[in-house]
PDB file of N, CA and C in Angstrom:
ATOM      1  N   MET A   1      95.130 -74.879  84.796  1.00  0.00           N
ATOM      2  CA  MET A   1      93.886 -74.269  85.287  1.00  0.00           C
ATOM      3  C   MET A   1      93.223 -75.187  84.137  1.00  0.00           C
ATOM      4  N   GLU A   2      92.524 -75.328  84.655  1.00  0.00           N
ATOM      5  CA  GLU A   2      91.715 -76.203  84.435  1.00  0.00           C
ATOM      6  C   GLU A   2      89.880 -76.124  84.148  1.00  0.00           C
ATOM      7  N   LEU A   3      89.638 -76.136  82.870  1.00  0.00           N
ATOM      8  CA  LEU A   3      88.325 -75.354  82.158  1.00  0.00           C
ATOM      9  C   LEU A   3      87.236 -76.715  81.922  1.00  0.00           C
ATOM     10  N   ALA A   4      86.368 -76.036  82.460  1.00  0.00           N
ATOM     11  CA  ALA A   4      84.847 -77.388  82.564  1.00  0.00           C
ATOM     12  C   ALA A   4      83.831 -76.399  81.619  1.00  0.00           C
ATOM     13  N   LEU A   5      82.976 -76.952  81.258  1.00  0.00           N
ATOM     14  CA  LEU A   5      81.798 -76.615  80.272  1.00  0.00           C
ATOM     15  C   LEU A   5      80.433 -77.333  80.833  1.00  0.00           C
ATOM     16  N   LYS A   6      79.679 -76.627  81.242  1.00  0.00           N
ATOM     17  CA  LYS A   6      78.271 -76.814  81.205  1.00  0.00           C
ATOM     18  C   LYS A   6      76.997 -76.001  80.495  1.00  0.00           C
ATOM     19  N   ILE A   7      76.491 -76.880  79.732  1.00  0.00           N
ATOM     20  CA  ILE A   7      75.218 -76.294  79.200  1.00  0.00           C
ATOM     21  C   ILE A   7      74.147 -76.195  80.199  1.00  0.00           C
ATOM     22  N   VAL A   8      74.015 -74.855  80.235  1.00  0.00           N
ATOM     23  CA  VAL A   8      72.611 -74.954  80.977  1.00  0.00           C
ATOM     24  C   VAL A   8      71.196 -73.686  80.403  1.00  0.00           C
ATOM     25  N   ASN A   9      69.911 -74.282  80.072  1.00  0.00           N
ATOM     26  CA  ASN A   9      69.259 -73.571  79.406  1.00  0.00           C
ATOM     27  C   ASN A   9      69.510 -72.873  77.960  1.00  0.00           C
ATOM     28  N   GLY A  10      70.514 -73.450  77.295  1.00  0.00           N
ATOM     29  CA  GLY A  10      70.761 -73.043  75.813  1.00  0.00           C
ATOM     30  C   GLY A  10      72.150 -72.125  76.106  1.00  0.00           C
ATOM     31  N   ARG A  11      72.756 -71.996  77.289  1.00  0.00           N
ATOM     32  CA  ARG A  11      73.720 -71.480  77.095  1.00  0.00           C
ATOM     33  C   ARG A  11      75.252 -72.388  77.839  1.00  0.00           C
ATOM     34  N   VAL A  12      76.302 -71.456  77.452  1.00  0.00           N
ATOM     35  CA  VAL A  12      77.526 -72.510  77.818  1.00  0.00           C
ATOM     36  C   VAL A  12      77.788 -71.538  79.359  1.00  0.00           C
ATOM     37  N   GLU A  13      78.149 -72.662  79.880  1.00  0.00           N
ATOM     38  CA  GLU A  13      79.015 -72.048  81.660  1.00  0.00           C
ATOM     39  C   GLU A  13      80.334 -72.178  81.547  1.00  0.00           C
ATOM     40  N   VAL A  14      81.103 -71.551  81.960  1.00  0.00           N
ATOM     41  CA  VAL A  14      82.480 -71.867  81.730  1.00  0.00           C
ATOM     42  C   VAL A  14      83.169 -72.065  83.259  1.00  0.00           C
ATOM     43  N   TYR A  15      83.813 -72.873  83.658  1.00  0.00           N
ATOM     44  CA  TYR A  15      83.911 -73.370  85.266  1.00  0.00           C
ATOM     45  C   TYR A  15      85.810 -73.441  85.156  1.00  0.00           C
ATOM     46  N   GLU A  16      86.448 -72.137  85.733  1.00  0.00           N
ATOM     47  CA  GLU A  16      87.704 -72.758  85.841  1.00  0.00           C
ATOM     48  C   GLU A  16      88.140 -72.768  86.799  1.00  0.00           C
ATOM     49  N   ASP A  17      89.143 -73.648  87.303  1.00  0.00           N
ATOM     50  CA  ASP A  17      89.304 -74.373  88.372  1.00  0.00           C
ATOM     51  C   ASP A  17      88.314 -74.455  89.440  1.00  0.00           C
ATOM     52  N   GLY A  18      87.084 -74.868  89.226  1.00  0.00           N
ATOM     53  CA  GLY A  18      85.953 -74.746  90.076  1.00  0.00           C
ATOM     54  C   GLY A  18      85.011 -73.613  90.241  1.00  0.00           C
ATOM     55  N   ALA A  19      85.340 -72.431  89.634  1.00  0.00           N
ATOM     56  CA  ALA A  19      84.900 -71.075  90.161  1.00  0.00           C
ATOM     57  C   ALA A  19      84.360 -71.070  88.509  1.00  0.00           C
ATOM     58  N   HIS A  20      82.815 -70.339  88.646  1.00  0.00           N
ATOM     59  CA  HIS A  20      81.889 -69.896  87.441  1.00  0.00           C
ATOM     60  C   HIS A  20      82.685 -68.497  86.561  1.00  0.00           C
ATOM     61  N   ARG A  21      82.967 -68.554  85.713  1.00  0.00           N
ATOM     62  CA  ARG A  21      83.850 -67.480  84.879  1.00  0.00           C
ATOM     63  C   ARG A  21      83.042 -66.988  83.660  1.00  0.00           C
ATOM     64  N   HIS A  22      82.354 -67.253  83.033  1.00  0.00           N
ATOM     65  CA  HIS A  22      81.652 -66.781  81.841  1.00  0.00           C
ATOM     66  C   HIS A  22      80.360 -67.674  81.501  1.00  0.00           C
ATOM     67  N   SER A  23      79.677 -67.084  81.121  1.00  0.00           N
ATOM     68  CA  SER A  23      78.300 -67.593  80.516  1.00  0.00           C
ATOM     69  C   SER A  23      77.550 -66.677  79.396  1.00  0.00           C
ATOM     70  N   TYR A  24      77.705 -67.508  78.506  1.00  0.00           N
ATOM     71  CA  TYR A  24      77.418 -66.830  77.123  1.00  0.00           C
ATOM     72  C   TYR A  24      77.082 -68.004  76.231  1.00  0.00           C
ATOM     73  N   GLY A  25      76.535 -67.233  74.899  1.00  0.00           N
ATOM     74  CA  GLY A  25      76.044 -68.071  73.141  1.00  0.00           C
ATOM     75  C   GLY A  25      74.136 -68.322  73.710  1.00  0.00           C
ATOM     76  N   SER A  26      73.487 -68.543  73.025  1.00  0.00           N
ATOM     77  CA  SER A  26      72.187 -68.858  73.180  1.00  0.00           C
ATOM     78  C   SER A  26      72.112 -70.060  72.007  1.00  0.00           C
ATOM     79  N   HIS A  27      70.733 -71.017  72.273  1.00  0.00           N
ATOM     80  CA  HIS A  27      70.483 -72.120  71.781  1.00  0.00           C
ATOM     81  C   HIS A  27      71.492 -72.910  71.800  1.00  0.00           C
ATOM     82  N   ILE A  28      72.331 -73.418  72.614  1.00  0.00           N
ATOM     83  CA  ILE A  28      73.340 -74.311  72.269  1.00  0.00           C
ATOM     84  C   ILE A  28      73.347 -75.565  72.862  1.00  0.00           C
ATOM     85  N   GLU A  29      73.466 -76.581  71.830  1.00  0.00           N
ATOM     86  CA  GLU A  29      73.250 -77.588  71.642  1.00  0.00           C
ATOM     87  C   GLU A  29      74.238 -78.997  72.209  1.00  0.00           C
ATOM     88  N   ASP A  30      75.639 -78.734  71.893  1.00  0.00           N
ATOM     89  CA  ASP A  30      76.693 -79.165  72.301  1.00  0.00           C
ATOM     90  C   ASP A  30      77.812 -78.178  72.378  1.00  0.00           C
ATOM     91  N   ALA A  31      78.879 -78.605  73.275  1.00  0.00           N
ATOM     92  CA  ALA A  31      80.374 -77.447  73.481  1.00  0.00           C
ATOM     93  C   ALA A  31      81.285 -78.453  73.978  1.00  0.00           C
ATOM     94  N   ALA A  32      82.505 -78.252  73.607  1.00  0.00           N
ATOM     95  CA  ALA A  32      83.983 -78.704  73.751  1.00  0.00           C
ATOM     96  C   ALA A  32      85.047 -77.854  74.037  1.00  0.00           C
ATOM     97  N   THR A  33      85.854 -77.987  74.769  1.00  0.00           N
ATOM     98  CA  THR A  33      87.410 -76.751  74.875  1.00  0.00           C
ATOM     99  C   THR A  33      88.417 -77.564  74.681  1.00  0.00           C
ATOM    100  N   ASP A  34      89.291 -76.728  74.366  1.00  0.00           N
ATOM    101  CA  ASP A  34      90.832 -77.280  74.242  1.00  0.00           C
ATOM    102  C   ASP A  34      91.434 -76.767  75.484  1.00  0.00           C
ATOM    103  N   GLY A  35      90.778 -75.713  76.055  1.00  0.00           N
ATOM    104  CA  GLY A  35      91.881 -74.879  77.384  1.00  0.00           C
ATOM    105  C   GLY A  35      92.036 -73.866  76.990  1.00  0.00           C
ATOM    106  N   LYS A  36      91.697 -73.157  75.683  1.00  0.00           N
ATOM    107  CA  LYS A  36      91.921 -72.169  75.003  1.00  0.00           C
ATOM    108  C   LYS A  36      90.462 -71.236  74.889  1.00  0.00           C
ATOM    109  N   ILE A  37      89.897 -72.368  73.677  1.00  0.00           N
ATOM    110  CA  ILE A  37      89.197 -72.175  72.604  1.00  0.00           C
ATOM    111  C   ILE A  37      87.952 -72.823  73.308  1.00  0.00           C
ATOM    112  N   VAL A  38      86.535 -72.173  73.433  1.00  0.00           N
ATOM    113  CA  VAL A  38      85.368 -72.800  73.784  1.00  0.00           C
ATOM    114  C   VAL A  38      84.702 -72.802  71.906  1.00  0.00           C
ATOM    115  N   ALA A  39      84.394 -74.096  71.928  1.00  0.00           N
ATOM    116  CA  ALA A  39      83.673 -74.325  70.298  1.00  0.00           C
ATOM    117  C   ALA A  39      81.849 -74.615  70.945  1.00  0.00           C
ATOM    118  N   VAL A  40      81.249 -74.347  70.311  1.00  0.00           N
ATOM    119  CA  VAL A  40      79.756 -74.826  70.208  1.00  0.00           C
ATOM    120  C   VAL A  40      79.084 -74.664  69.277  1.00  0.00           C
ATOM    121  N   VAL A  41      78.235 -75.501  69.285  1.00  0.00           N
ATOM    122  CA  VAL A  41      77.044 -75.995  68.136  1.00  0.00           C
ATOM    123  C   VAL A  41      75.091 -75.566  68.523  1.00  0.00           C
ATOM    124  N   THR A  42      75.276 -74.628  67.492  1.00  0.00           N
ATOM    125  CA  THR A  42      73.921 -74.270  67.559  1.00  0.00           C
ATOM    126  C   THR A  42      72.801 -74.946  67.367  1.00  0.00           C
ATOM    127  N   ARG A  43      71.533 -74.534  67.837  1.00  0.00           N
ATOM    128  CA  ARG A  43      70.592 -75.258  67.580  1.00  0.00           C
ATOM    129  C   ARG A  43      70.462 -75.404  65.948  1.00  0.00           C
ATOM    130  N   ASP A  44      70.809 -74.164  65.435  1.00  0.00           N
ATOM    131  CA  ASP A  44      70.410 -73.928  64.096  1.00  0.00           C
ATOM    132  C   ASP A  44      71.890 -74.653  63.198  1.00  0.00           C
ATOM    133  N   GLY A  45      72.570 -75.564  63.924  1.00  0.00           N
ATOM    134  CA  GLY A  45      73.724 -76.243  63.161  1.00  0.00           C
ATOM    135  C   GLY A  45      74.758 -75.342  63.004  1.00  0.00           C
ATOM    136  N   ARG A  46      74.851 -74.274  63.328  1.00  0.00           N
ATOM    137  CA  ARG A  46      76.306 -73.525  63.323  1.00  0.00           C
ATOM    138  C   ARG A  46      77.115 -73.796  64.346  1.00  0.00           C
ATOM    139  N   ILE A  47      78.671 -73.410  64.184  1.00  0.00           N
ATOM    140  CA  ILE A  47      79.864 -73.680  65.014  1.00  0.00           C
ATOM    141  C   ILE A  47      80.064 -72.451  65.247  1.00  0.00           C
ATOM    142  N   GLU A  48      80.522 -72.269  66.209  1.00  0.00           N
ATOM    143  CA  GLU A  48      80.785 -70.981  67.381  1.00  0.00           C
ATOM    144  C   GLU A  48      82.035 -71.358  67.644  1.00  0.00           C
ATOM    145  N   GLU A  49      82.861 -70.042  67.531  1.00  0.00           N
ATOM    146  CA  GLU A  49      84.225 -70.470  68.658  1.00  0.00           C
ATOM    147  C   GLU A  49      84.288 -68.988  69.311  1.00  0.00           C
ATOM    148  N   TYR A  50      84.514 -69.855  70.981  1.00  0.00           N
ATOM    149  CA  TYR A  50      85.155 -68.525  71.508  1.00  0.00           C
ATOM    150  C   TYR A  50      86.197 -68.460  72.155  1.00  0.00           C
ATOM    151  N   ARG A  51      86.267 -67.152  72.545  1.00  0.00           N
ATOM    152  CA  ARG A  51      87.899 -66.861  73.166  1.00  0.00           C
ATOM    153  C   ARG A  51      87.514 -65.907  74.274  1.00  0.00           C
ATOM    154  N   ASP A  52      87.692 -66.190  75.529  1.00  0.00           N
ATOM    155  CA  ASP A  52      87.975 -65.441  76.525  1.00  0.00           C
ATOM    156  C   ASP A  52      86.429 -64.560  76.756  1.00  0.00           C
ATOM    157  N   GLY A  53      85.404 -65.779  76.349  1.00  0.00           N
ATOM    158  CA  GLY A  53      83.794 -65.022  76.322  1.00  0.00           C
ATOM    159  C   GLY A  53      83.476 -64.313  75.102  1.00  0.00           C
ATOM    160  N   MET A  54      84.487 -63.883  74.145  1.00  0.00           N
ATOM    161  CA  MET A  54      83.967 -63.602  72.799  1.00  0.00           C
ATOM    162  C   MET A  54      84.281 -64.175  71.642  1.00  0.00           C
ATOM    163  N   CYS A  55      83.276 -64.425  70.758  1.00  0.00           N
ATOM    164  CA  CYS A  55      82.940 -64.995  69.608  1.00  0.00           C
ATOM    165  C   CYS A  55      83.451 -64.607  68.742  1.00  0.00           C
ATOM    166  N   GLN A  56      84.583 -65.485  68.237  1.00  0.00           N
ATOM    167  CA  GLN A  56      85.666 -65.095  67.495  1.00  0.00           C
ATOM    168  C   GLN A  56      85.127 -65.344  65.967  1.00  0.00           C
ATOM    169  N   ARG A  57      84.346 -66.233  65.870  1.00  0.00           N
ATOM    170  CA  ARG A  57      84.104 -67.046  64.259  1.00  0.00           C
ATOM    171  C   ARG A  57      82.970 -67.912  64.530  1.00  0.00           C
ATOM    172  N   SER A  58      81.926 -68.099  63.257  1.00  0.00           N
ATOM    173  CA  SER A  58      80.499 -68.472  63.568  1.00  0.00           C
ATOM    174  C   SER A  58      80.795 -69.053  62.121  1.00  0.00           C
ATOM    175  N   TYR A  59      80.158 -70.370  61.895  1.00  0.00           N
ATOM    176  CA  TYR A  59      80.830 -70.838  60.293  1.00  0.00           C
ATOM    177  C   TYR A  59      79.705 -72.090  60.609  1.00  0.00           C
ATOM    178  N   GLY A  60      80.055 -72.947  59.045  1.00  0.00           N
ATOM    179  CA  GLY A  60      79.289 -74.287  59.339  1.00  0.00           C
ATOM    180  C   GLY A  60      77.609 -74.613  59.381  1.00  0.00           C
ATOM    181  N   SER A  61      77.131 -75.457  58.808  1.00  0.00           N
ATOM    182  CA  SER A  61      75.598 -75.763  58.929  1.00  0.00           C
ATOM    183  C   SER A  61      75.964 -77.594  59.091  1.00  0.00           C
ATOM    184  N   ASN A  62      74.530 -76.869  59.707  1.00  0.00           N
ATOM    185  CA  ASN A  62      74.169 -78.899  60.079  1.00  0.00           C
ATOM    186  C   ASN A  62      74.821 -80.151  61.149  1.00  0.00           C
ATOM    187  N   ALA A  63      75.228 -78.838  61.839  1.00  0.00           N
ATOM    188  CA  ALA A  63      76.234 -79.972  62.594  1.00  0.00           C
ATOM    189  C   ALA A  63      75.408 -80.100  64.097  1.00  0.00           C
ATOM    190  N   ARG A  64      76.001 -81.688  64.372  1.00  0.00           N
ATOM    191  CA  ARG A  64      75.356 -82.207  65.655  1.00  0.00           C
ATOM    192  C   ARG A  64      75.886 -81.790  66.864  1.00  0.00           C
ATOM    193  N   LYS A  65      77.692 -82.771  66.538  1.00  0.00           N
ATOM    194  CA  LYS A  65      78.376 -82.832  68.162  1.00  0.00           C
ATOM    195  C   LYS A  65      79.436 -81.762  67.424  1.00  0.00           C
ATOM    196  N   ILE A  66      80.426 -81.755  68.786  1.00  0.00           N
ATOM    197  CA  ILE A  66      81.229 -81.444  67.898  1.00  0.00           C
ATOM    198  C   ILE A  66      82.824 -82.053  69.116  1.00  0.00           C
ATOM    199  N   ARG A  67      84.097 -82.137  68.614  1.00  0.00           N
ATOM    200  CA  ARG A  67      85.064 -82.490  69.391  1.00  0.00           C
ATOM    201  C   ARG A  67      86.195 -81.292  68.874  1.00  0.00           C
ATOM    202  N   ILE A  68      87.227 -81.030  69.932  1.00  0.00           N
ATOM    203  CA  ILE A  68      88.137 -80.343  69.684  1.00  0.00           C
ATOM    204  C   ILE A  68      89.565 -80.527  70.028  1.00  0.00           C
ATOM    205  N   SER A  69      90.834 -81.144  69.287  1.00  0.00           N
ATOM    206  CA  SER A  69      92.042 -80.901  69.782  1.00  0.00           C
ATOM    207  C   SER A  69      93.175 -79.791  68.630  1.00  0.00           C
ATOM    208  N   GLY A  70      93.336 -79.089  69.450  1.00  0.00           N
ATOM    209  CA  GLY A  70      94.567 -78.288  68.948  1.00  0.00           C
ATOM    210  C   GLY A  70      93.506 -77.133  68.126  1.00  0.00           C
ATOM    211  N   ASN A  71      93.998 -76.940  66.817  1.00  0.00           N
ATOM    212  CA  ASN A  71      93.544 -76.173  65.817  1.00  0.00           C
ATOM    213  C   ASN A  71      92.180 -76.951  65.043  1.00  0.00           C
ATOM    214  N   THR A  72      92.352 -78.377  65.207  1.00  0.00           N
ATOM    215  CA  THR A  72      91.237 -78.933  64.444  1.00  0.00           C
ATOM    216  C   THR A  72      89.871 -79.423  65.421  1.00  0.00           C
ATOM    217  N   LEU A  73      88.773 -78.864  64.707  1.00  0.00           N
ATOM    218  CA  LEU A  73      87.463 -79.320  64.871  1.00  0.00           C
ATOM    219  C   LEU A  73      87.207 -80.445  64.364  1.00  0.00           C
ATOM    220  N   ALA A  74      86.544 -81.135  65.179  1.00  0.00           N
ATOM    221  CA  ALA A  74      85.996 -82.376  64.442  1.00  0.00           C
ATOM    222  C   ALA A  74      84.370 -82.449  64.726  1.00  0.00           C
ATOM    223  N   VAL A  75      83.714 -82.305  63.573  1.00  0.00           N
ATOM    224  CA  VAL A  75      82.238 -82.303  63.771  1.00  0.00           C
ATOM    225  C   VAL A  75      81.203 -82.844  63.228  1.00  0.00           C
ATOM    226  N   THR A  76      80.186 -83.785  63.676  1.00  0.00           N
ATOM    227  CA  THR A  76      79.332 -84.841  63.195  1.00  0.00           C
ATOM    228  C   THR A  76      78.338 -84.219  63.028  1.00  0.00           C
ATOM    229  N   LEU A  77      78.184 -84.507  61.443  1.00  0.00           N
ATOM    230  CA  LEU A  77      77.073 -83.596  61.034  1.00  0.00           C
ATOM    231  C   LEU A  77      75.714 -84.556  61.006  1.00  0.00           C
ATOM    232  N   ARG A  78      74.304 -83.839  60.846  1.00  0.00           N
ATOM    233  CA  ARG A  78      73.212 -84.397  60.788  1.00  0.00           C
ATOM    234  C   ARG A  78      72.969 -85.231  59.962  1.00  0.00           C
ATOM    235  N   ASP A  79      74.058 -85.418  59.381  1.00  0.00           N
ATOM    236  CA  ASP A  79      73.324 -86.720  58.150  1.00  0.00           C
ATOM    237  C   ASP A  79      74.688 -88.397  58.426  1.00  0.00           C
ATOM    238  N   GLY A  80      74.913 -87.959  59.345  1.00  0.00           N
ATOM    239  CA  GLY A  80      76.339 -88.585  60.073  1.00  0.00           C
ATOM    240  C   GLY A  80      77.371 -88.890  59.775  1.00  0.00           C
ATOM    241  N   ARG A  81      78.120 -87.858  58.879  1.00  0.00           N
ATOM    242  CA  ARG A  81      79.539 -87.708  58.360  1.00  0.00           C
ATOM    243  C   ARG A  81      80.024 -87.070  59.335  1.00  0.00           C
ATOM    244  N   ILE A  82      81.401 -86.900  59.147  1.00  0.00           N
ATOM    245  CA  ILE A  82      82.324 -86.037  60.008  1.00  0.00           C
ATOM    246  C   ILE A  82      82.863 -85.063  58.932  1.00  0.00           C
ATOM    247  N   ALA A  83      83.234 -83.992  60.002  1.00  0.00           N
ATOM    248  CA  ALA A  83      83.548 -82.891  58.765  1.00  0.00           C
ATOM    249  C   ALA A  83      84.611 -82.489  60.013  1.00  0.00           C
ATOM    250  N   GLU A  84      85.722 -82.367  59.414  1.00  0.00           N
ATOM    251  CA  GLU A  84      87.099 -81.604  60.027  1.00  0.00           C
ATOM    252  C   GLU A  84      87.637 -80.230  59.939  1.00  0.00           C
ATOM    253  N   PHE A  85      87.555 -79.756  60.739  1.00  0.00           N
ATOM    254  CA  PHE A  85      87.890 -77.989  60.351  1.00  0.00           C
ATOM    255  C   PHE A  85      89.095 -77.887  60.953  1.00  0.00           C
ATOM    256  N   GLU A  86      89.391 -76.318  60.074  1.00  0.00           N
ATOM    257  CA  GLU A  86      91.135 -75.927  60.836  1.00  0.00           C
ATOM    258  C   GLU A  86      90.806 -74.768  60.781  1.00  0.00           C
ATOM    259  N   ASN A  87      90.823 -73.944  61.532  1.00  0.00           N
ATOM    260  CA  ASN A  87      90.886 -72.155  61.177  1.00  0.00           C
ATOM    261  C   ASN A  87      89.725 -71.892  60.611  1.00  0.00           C
ATOM    262  N   GLY A  88      87.977 -72.245  60.798  1.00  0.00           N
ATOM    263  CA  GLY A  88      87.486 -72.175  60.340  1.00  0.00           C
ATOM    264  C   GLY A  88      87.088 -72.340  58.718  1.00  0.00           C
ATOM    265  N   MET A  89      87.883 -73.539  57.930  1.00  0.00           N
ATOM    266  CA  MET A  89      88.130 -73.910  56.738  1.00  0.00           C
ATOM    267  C   MET A  89      87.492 -75.260  57.127  1.00  0.00           C
ATOM    268  N   CYS A  90      86.786 -75.937  56.102  1.00  0.00           N
ATOM    269  CA  CYS A  90      86.565 -77.295  56.295  1.00  0.00           C
ATOM    270  C   CYS A  90      87.800 -78.106  55.752  1.00  0.00           C
ATOM    271  N   ARG A  91      88.388 -78.997  56.076  1.00  0.00           N
ATOM    272  CA  ARG A  91      89.656 -79.497  55.503  1.00  0.00           C
ATOM    273  C   ARG A  91      89.313 -80.725  54.850  1.00  0.00           C
ATOM    274  N   ARG A  92      88.768 -81.867  55.285  1.00  0.00           N
ATOM    275  CA  ARG A  92      87.647 -82.758  54.942  1.00  0.00           C
ATOM    276  C   ARG A  92      86.542 -83.432  55.434  1.00  0.00           C
ATOM    277  N   MET A  93      86.170 -84.339  54.660  1.00  0.00           N
ATOM    278  CA  MET A  93      85.060 -85.054  55.545  1.00  0.00           C
ATOM    279  C   MET A  93      84.927 -86.665  54.896  1.00  0.00           C
ATOM    280  N   TYR A  94      84.087 -87.091  55.483  1.00  0.00           N
ATOM    281  CA  TYR A  94      84.546 -88.414  55.733  1.00  0.00           C
ATOM    282  C   TYR A  94      83.084 -89.192  56.039  1.00  0.00           C
TER     283      TYR A  94
END
């Protein structure tokens, strides 16, 4: 099962094995997935985590880009710093 993400008009479209499955969110700027969770950054700089099309968490501020690996989210902030989040909590910044 391969997941691919595409941002169209501020919404995330999720494709599974090439077939369109979900479309959700609003004002999305960046998105990443690990195959189970879809993590997105909104225009307001908030981080939202989606599982099976449902929003599980919303947290953070001033986010610009996001990358996900396992349970860890690496978020590039608007001031250039990087913050690592685990289960919605900031573990470290550098």
